[in-house]
Protein backbone atom coordinates (compact mmCIF):
# COMPACT_ATOMS: atom_id res chain seq x y z
CA UNK A 1 30.29 -7.82 88.49
CA UNK A 2 29.36 -7.92 92.17
CA UNK A 3 30.81 -4.42 92.70
CA UNK A 4 28.74 -3.00 89.81
CA UNK A 5 25.60 -4.55 91.28
CA UNK A 6 26.37 -3.11 94.74
CA UNK A 7 27.00 0.34 93.20
CA UNK A 8 23.74 0.17 91.30
CA UNK A 9 21.80 -0.81 94.46
CA UNK A 10 23.43 1.93 96.54
CA UNK A 11 22.76 4.45 93.76
CA UNK A 12 19.09 3.49 93.83
CA UNK A 13 18.91 4.20 97.57
CA UNK A 14 20.53 7.59 97.07
CA UNK A 15 18.00 8.50 94.39
CA UNK A 16 15.00 7.31 96.42
CA UNK A 17 15.95 9.08 99.64
CA UNK A 18 17.07 12.51 100.64
CA UNK A 19 20.56 13.92 100.44
CA UNK A 20 22.48 16.37 102.60
CA UNK A 21 25.39 18.09 100.91
CA UNK A 22 27.33 20.86 102.63
CA UNK A 23 24.49 21.45 105.07
CA UNK A 24 21.89 21.95 102.36
CA UNK A 25 19.15 19.39 102.63
CA UNK A 26 17.43 18.25 99.48
CA UNK A 27 14.51 15.84 99.27
CA UNK A 28 12.96 14.55 96.13
CA UNK A 29 10.50 11.92 95.09
CA UNK A 30 11.91 8.63 93.87
CA UNK A 31 11.32 9.67 90.28
CA UNK A 32 14.06 10.36 87.79
CA UNK A 33 13.87 11.29 84.15
CA UNK A 34 15.38 9.02 81.49
CA UNK A 35 18.82 10.59 81.98
CA UNK A 36 18.68 9.69 85.68
CA UNK A 37 18.36 13.31 86.79
CA UNK A 38 16.12 13.92 89.79
CA UNK A 39 13.01 15.99 89.18
CA UNK A 40 11.04 18.33 91.43
CA UNK A 41 13.03 18.72 94.63
CA UNK A 42 12.58 20.58 97.90
CA UNK A 43 15.49 22.32 99.58
CA UNK A 44 16.19 23.87 102.97
CA UNK A 45 19.26 25.98 103.70
CA UNK A 46 20.63 26.15 107.24
CA UNK A 47 19.35 29.32 108.92
CA UNK A 48 21.60 32.37 109.09
CA UNK A 49 21.80 35.39 111.36
CA UNK A 50 19.91 38.36 109.94
CA UNK A 51 19.81 42.02 110.86
CA UNK A 52 18.74 43.21 114.30
CA UNK A 53 18.81 39.81 115.99
CA UNK A 54 16.72 37.98 113.43
CA UNK A 55 17.15 34.55 111.87
CA UNK A 56 16.64 33.96 108.14
CA UNK A 57 15.59 30.59 106.75
CA UNK A 58 15.41 29.85 103.03
CA UNK A 59 13.50 26.96 101.46
CA UNK A 60 13.11 26.05 97.81
CA UNK A 61 11.18 24.01 95.28
CA UNK A 62 13.02 23.41 92.02
CA UNK A 63 12.58 21.67 88.65
CA UNK A 64 8.87 21.07 89.18
CA UNK A 65 7.62 22.18 85.79
CA UNK A 66 4.30 24.00 85.89
CA UNK A 67 2.87 22.14 88.92
CA UNK A 68 1.81 24.30 91.86
CA UNK A 69 1.62 23.50 95.58
CA UNK A 70 1.17 25.26 98.88
CA UNK A 71 4.72 25.67 100.18
CA UNK A 72 5.62 26.45 103.79
CA UNK A 73 9.08 27.42 105.06
CA UNK A 74 9.65 27.45 108.83
CA UNK A 75 12.50 28.31 111.14
CA UNK A 76 12.43 25.87 114.04
CA UNK A 77 14.14 26.05 117.43
CA UNK A 78 15.38 22.61 118.45
CA UNK A 79 14.48 21.46 121.96
CA UNK A 80 15.74 18.32 123.65
CA UNK A 81 13.04 15.88 124.82
CA UNK A 82 10.34 18.36 123.78
CA UNK A 83 8.61 19.39 120.59
CA UNK A 84 10.57 21.85 118.47
CA UNK A 85 9.23 25.42 118.46
CA UNK A 86 8.37 27.34 115.29
CA UNK A 87 9.88 30.83 115.63
CA UNK A 88 9.01 31.97 112.11
CA UNK A 89 6.88 30.66 109.25
CA UNK A 90 5.75 31.70 105.78
CA UNK A 91 3.26 29.96 103.50
CA UNK A 92 2.60 30.61 99.83
CA UNK A 93 -0.31 29.04 97.94
CA UNK A 94 0.13 28.08 94.28
CA UNK A 95 3.92 28.12 94.60
CA UNK A 96 5.75 26.91 91.50
CA UNK A 97 9.55 26.98 91.45
CA UNK A 98 12.08 29.10 93.28
CA UNK A 99 13.24 30.17 96.72
CA UNK A 100 11.15 31.45 99.60
CA UNK A 101 12.60 33.03 102.74
CA UNK A 102 11.21 33.61 106.19
CA UNK A 103 12.53 36.05 108.80
CA UNK A 104 12.16 34.90 112.39
CA UNK A 105 12.85 36.50 115.72
CA UNK A 106 15.68 35.08 117.81
CA UNK A 107 14.36 33.00 120.71
CA UNK A 108 17.61 32.90 122.69
CA UNK A 109 21.00 31.33 122.01
CA UNK A 110 19.95 27.92 120.71
CA UNK A 111 20.07 25.44 117.85
CA UNK A 112 17.84 26.30 114.88
CA UNK A 113 17.00 24.66 111.55
CA UNK A 114 14.96 25.46 108.44
CA UNK A 115 12.16 23.16 107.32
CA UNK A 116 10.39 23.19 103.94
CA UNK A 117 6.99 21.51 103.60
CA UNK A 118 4.89 20.92 100.48
CA UNK A 119 1.15 20.32 100.36
CA UNK A 120 2.03 17.06 98.56
CA UNK A 121 3.32 15.73 101.89
CA UNK A 122 7.03 16.07 101.12
CA UNK A 123 9.19 17.69 103.79
CA UNK A 124 12.90 18.45 104.17
CA UNK A 125 14.97 19.73 107.10
CA UNK A 126 18.25 21.64 106.88
CA UNK A 127 21.35 21.10 108.92
CA UNK A 128 21.15 22.62 112.38
CA UNK A 129 22.99 25.77 113.34
CA UNK A 130 23.59 27.47 116.69
CA UNK A 131 22.54 31.12 116.48
CA UNK A 132 21.81 34.25 118.51
C-alpha cells in the first residue's frame, strides 16, 4: 500500500516536470489526457556537428493540436560564470507541430546546447555537447 502511494506520488512529479531521456530534453505542461499521456510537449536535441564547421540544433513542438505559438530554437555556447552566448537562432511565428532546425557557426571548441522556447513561456534545454 505504502509502495503504491510512493509510486503514484513519484509518477506525478515525473508528469509535472521535464524529462531527459538519452540526451533529448522534453518539457511539457502538467496536463495529461484521460489515458495519462502527456500532451503538447517541447523538445530539444543535443546539437550536432554540421558541414563546414557549423553546428546544427533541432527543437520541436509535438502533440499540440491546432494551437499555434511563436517558437524559437537557439544554439547556445555555455560559458562558466558568464551568460551563455547565442551562436545561432531561428524563430517561426504561428508554429504548430513539428521540428525546426537552426544552423549556427562554430564559436571555438566549447560546450554547446540547444534550447527551444515557446511564446507561452515554456522552455527546454538539451543535453550539452562539446563540439568544434
